[in-house]
Amino acid sequence: QVQLVESGGGLVQPGGSLKLSCAASGFTFSRYAMAWFRQAPGKERELVASISSFGSTSYAESVKGRLTISRENAKNTVYLQMNSLKPEDTAVYYCNAQSKRDDANYWGQGTQVTVSS
């Protein structure tokens, strides 16, 4: 049974930091590309950051220099370190796992991040 379980969300003041974690199980984590998406109220879900199975990363322009994605294959976990947070970063953040080889696309349940004073 595939599971992606996000944690680490919460309320933070502008300029603050949070670190999200996504614990994966039920598939061969090291072979999958991982990503973080977010969806703000009334907006479409958007890609925030991704990391390939080889460790190559990419970011949305709006988060470059502030958010960092990383993975720890030994723990089947992907992280999103978020610094210098802004109110516009407020959203539900979703963990995603993809594999073209396995024709698979998995989602977590999401974790709320609220940036507000």
C-alpha atoms as a PDB file:
ATOM      1  CA  GLN A   1       0.000   0.000   0.000  1.00  0.00           C
ATOM      2  CA  VAL A   2       1.492   3.294  -1.126  1.00  0.00           C
ATOM      3  CA  GLN A   3       1.591   6.073   1.442  1.00  0.00           C
ATOM      4  CA  LEU A   4       2.975   9.594   1.398  1.00  0.00           C
ATOM      5  CA  VAL A   5       2.638  11.267   4.784  1.00  0.00           C
ATOM      6  CA  GLU A   6       3.475  14.956   5.072  1.00  0.00           C
ATOM      7  CA  SER A   7       4.320  16.692   8.319  1.00  0.00           C
ATOM      8  CA  GLY A   8       5.829  19.937   9.553  1.00  0.00           C
ATOM      9  CA  GLY A   9       3.223  22.445   8.462  1.00  0.00           C
ATOM     10  CA  GLY A  10       1.852  25.144  10.715  1.00  0.00           C
ATOM     11  CA  LEU A  11       1.547  28.859  11.386  1.00  0.00           C
ATOM     12  CA  VAL A  12       4.634  31.019  11.001  1.00  0.00           C
ATOM     13  CA  GLN A  13       5.279  34.755  10.881  1.00  0.00           C
ATOM     14  CA  PRO A  14       6.534  36.441   7.710  1.00  0.00           C
ATOM     15  CA  GLY A  15      10.278  35.963   7.420  1.00  0.00           C
ATOM     16  CA  GLY A  16      10.154  32.754   9.415  1.00  0.00           C
ATOM     17  CA  SER A  17      11.086  29.197   8.507  1.00  0.00           C
ATOM     18  CA  LEU A  18       9.474  25.779   8.371  1.00  0.00           C
ATOM     19  CA  LYS A  19      10.700  22.368   7.304  1.00  0.00           C
ATOM     20  CA  LEU A  20       8.234  19.970   5.717  1.00  0.00           C
ATOM     21  CA  SER A  21       8.827  16.232   5.610  1.00  0.00           C
ATOM     22  CA  CYS A  22       7.203  13.547   3.512  1.00  0.00           C
ATOM     23  CA  ALA A  23       7.639   9.936   4.581  1.00  0.00           C
ATOM     24  CA  ALA A  24       7.066   7.441   1.784  1.00  0.00           C
ATOM     25  CA  SER A  25       6.254   3.751   1.871  1.00  0.00           C
ATOM     26  CA  GLY A  26       4.919   1.046  -0.416  1.00  0.00           C
ATOM     27  CA  PHE A  27       7.171   1.698  -3.415  1.00  0.00           C
ATOM     28  CA  THR A  28      10.867   1.863  -4.280  1.00  0.00           C
ATOM     29  CA  PHE A  29      11.502   5.424  -3.143  1.00  0.00           C
ATOM     30  CA  SER A  30      15.020   5.761  -4.559  1.00  0.00           C
ATOM     31  CA  ARG A  31      13.741   5.173  -8.113  1.00  0.00           C
ATOM     32  CA  TYR A  32      11.084   7.890  -7.975  1.00  0.00           C
ATOM     33  CA  ALA A  33      11.213  11.584  -8.729  1.00  0.00           C
ATOM     34  CA  MET A  34       9.753  13.513  -5.808  1.00  0.00           C
ATOM     35  CA  ALA A  35       8.136  16.913  -5.734  1.00  0.00           C
ATOM     36  CA  TRP A  36       6.282  19.413  -3.606  1.00  0.00           C
ATOM     37  CA  PHE A  37       3.183  21.145  -4.936  1.00  0.00           C
ATOM     38  CA  ARG A  38       0.996  23.711  -3.243  1.00  0.00           C
ATOM     39  CA  GLN A  39      -2.542  24.955  -3.597  1.00  0.00           C
ATOM     40  CA  ALA A  40      -3.787  28.235  -2.199  1.00  0.00           C
ATOM     41  CA  PRO A  41      -7.508  28.952  -1.731  1.00  0.00           C
ATOM     42  CA  GLY A  42      -9.161  29.696  -5.050  1.00  0.00           C
ATOM     43  CA  LYS A  43      -6.026  28.855  -7.036  1.00  0.00           C
ATOM     44  CA  GLU A  44      -4.813  25.893  -9.028  1.00  0.00           C
ATOM     45  CA  ARG A  45      -2.273  23.478  -7.632  1.00  0.00           C
ATOM     46  CA  GLU A  46       1.245  24.517  -8.658  1.00  0.00           C
ATOM     47  CA  LEU A  47       4.640  22.848  -8.693  1.00  0.00           C
ATOM     48  CA  VAL A  48       6.981  24.332  -6.080  1.00  0.00           C
ATOM     49  CA  ALA A  49      10.080  22.152  -6.284  1.00  0.00           C
ATOM     50  CA  SER A  50      11.169  18.770  -7.602  1.00  0.00           C
ATOM     51  CA  ILE A  51      14.094  16.407  -7.163  1.00  0.00           C
ATOM     52  CA  SER A  52      14.966  13.568  -9.499  1.00  0.00           C
ATOM     53  CA  SER A  53      16.017  10.089  -8.465  1.00  0.00           C
ATOM     54  CA  PHE A  54      19.574  11.242  -9.162  1.00  0.00           C
ATOM     55  CA  GLY A  55      19.247  14.320  -6.960  1.00  0.00           C
ATOM     56  CA  SER A  56      18.800  17.032  -9.601  1.00  0.00           C
ATOM     57  CA  THR A  57      16.557  19.817  -8.375  1.00  0.00           C
ATOM     58  CA  SER A  58      14.350  22.480  -9.919  1.00  0.00           C
ATOM     59  CA  TYR A  59      12.246  25.272  -8.442  1.00  0.00           C
ATOM     60  CA  ALA A  60       9.423  27.614  -9.297  1.00  0.00           C
ATOM     61  CA  GLU A  61      10.730  31.129  -9.880  1.00  0.00           C
ATOM     62  CA  SER A  62       8.683  32.450  -6.978  1.00  0.00           C
ATOM     63  CA  VAL A  63      10.535  30.291  -4.431  1.00  0.00           C
ATOM     64  CA  LYS A  64      14.099  30.221  -5.794  1.00  0.00           C
ATOM     65  CA  GLY A  65      16.629  31.111  -3.133  1.00  0.00           C
ATOM     66  CA  ARG A  66      14.121  30.628  -0.309  1.00  0.00           C
ATOM     67  CA  LEU A  67      12.970  26.999  -0.519  1.00  0.00           C
ATOM     68  CA  THR A  68      15.202  23.939  -0.758  1.00  0.00           C
ATOM     69  CA  ILE A  69      14.134  20.412  -1.629  1.00  0.00           C
ATOM     70  CA  SER A  70      16.209  17.423  -0.556  1.00  0.00           C
ATOM     71  CA  ARG A  71      15.814  13.693  -0.184  1.00  0.00           C
ATOM     72  CA  GLU A  72      17.174  11.009   2.105  1.00  0.00           C
ATOM     73  CA  ASN A  73      16.787   7.661   0.380  1.00  0.00           C
ATOM     74  CA  ALA A  74      17.886   5.711   3.448  1.00  0.00           C
ATOM     75  CA  LYS A  75      14.836   7.084   5.269  1.00  0.00           C
ATOM     76  CA  ASN A  76      12.449   7.144   2.284  1.00  0.00           C
ATOM     77  CA  THR A  77      11.869  10.814   3.021  1.00  0.00           C
ATOM     78  CA  VAL A  78      11.806  14.037   1.040  1.00  0.00           C
ATOM     79  CA  TYR A  79      12.073  17.447   2.685  1.00  0.00           C
ATOM     80  CA  LEU A  80      11.226  21.037   1.874  1.00  0.00           C
ATOM     81  CA  GLN A  81      13.164  23.615   3.855  1.00  0.00           C
ATOM     82  CA  MET A  82      11.305  26.909   3.646  1.00  0.00           C
ATOM     83  CA  ASN A  83      13.054  30.139   4.675  1.00  0.00           C
ATOM     84  CA  SER A  84      12.117  33.818   4.405  1.00  0.00           C
ATOM     85  CA  LEU A  85       8.465  32.854   4.175  1.00  0.00           C
ATOM     86  CA  LYS A  86       5.948  35.320   2.771  1.00  0.00           C
ATOM     87  CA  PRO A  87       2.164  35.551   3.184  1.00  0.00           C
ATOM     88  CA  GLU A  88       1.817  34.448  -0.439  1.00  0.00           C
ATOM     89  CA  ASP A  89       3.424  31.132   0.492  1.00  0.00           C
ATOM     90  CA  THR A  90       0.268  30.290   2.440  1.00  0.00           C
ATOM     91  CA  ALA A  91      -1.198  27.104   0.963  1.00  0.00           C
ATOM     92  CA  VAL A  92      -1.728  23.408   1.432  1.00  0.00           C
ATOM     93  CA  TYR A  93       1.524  21.693   0.488  1.00  0.00           C
ATOM     94  CA  TYR A  94       1.368  18.280  -1.153  1.00  0.00           C
ATOM     95  CA  CYS A  95       4.048  15.653  -1.572  1.00  0.00           C
ATOM     96  CA  ASN A  96       4.178  13.895  -4.953  1.00  0.00           C
ATOM     97  CA  ALA A  97       5.992  10.825  -6.245  1.00  0.00           C
ATOM     98  CA  GLN A  98       6.318   9.963  -9.941  1.00  0.00           C
ATOM     99  CA  SER A  99       7.854   7.196 -11.979  1.00  0.00           C
ATOM    100  CA  LYS A 100       7.611   6.882 -15.754  1.00  0.00           C
ATOM    101  CA  ARG A 101       9.048   3.378 -15.479  1.00  0.00           C
ATOM    102  CA  ASP A 102       6.244   2.268 -13.142  1.00  0.00           C
ATOM    103  CA  ASP A 103       3.634   4.567 -14.761  1.00  0.00           C
ATOM    104  CA  ALA A 104       2.902   5.829 -11.270  1.00  0.00           C
ATOM    105  CA  ASN A 105       1.866   9.156  -9.790  1.00  0.00           C
ATOM    106  CA  TYR A 106       1.165   9.301  -6.043  1.00  0.00           C
ATOM    107  CA  TRP A 107      -0.036  12.103  -3.760  1.00  0.00           C
ATOM    108  CA  GLY A 108       0.030  12.767  -0.057  1.00  0.00           C
ATOM    109  CA  GLN A 109      -2.892  14.199   1.882  1.00  0.00           C
ATOM    110  CA  GLY A 110      -1.335  17.654   2.239  1.00  0.00           C
ATOM    111  CA  THR A 111      -0.170  19.826   5.108  1.00  0.00           C
ATOM    112  CA  GLN A 112      -1.292  23.402   5.760  1.00  0.00           C
ATOM    113  CA  VAL A 113       1.266  26.199   5.823  1.00  0.00           C
ATOM    114  CA  THR A 114       0.035  29.611   6.947  1.00  0.00           C
ATOM    115  CA  VAL A 115       2.283  32.660   6.888  1.00  0.00           C
ATOM    116  CA  SER A 116       0.736  35.469   8.867  1.00  0.00           C
ATOM    117  CA  SER A 117       1.533  38.000  11.557  1.00  0.00           C
END
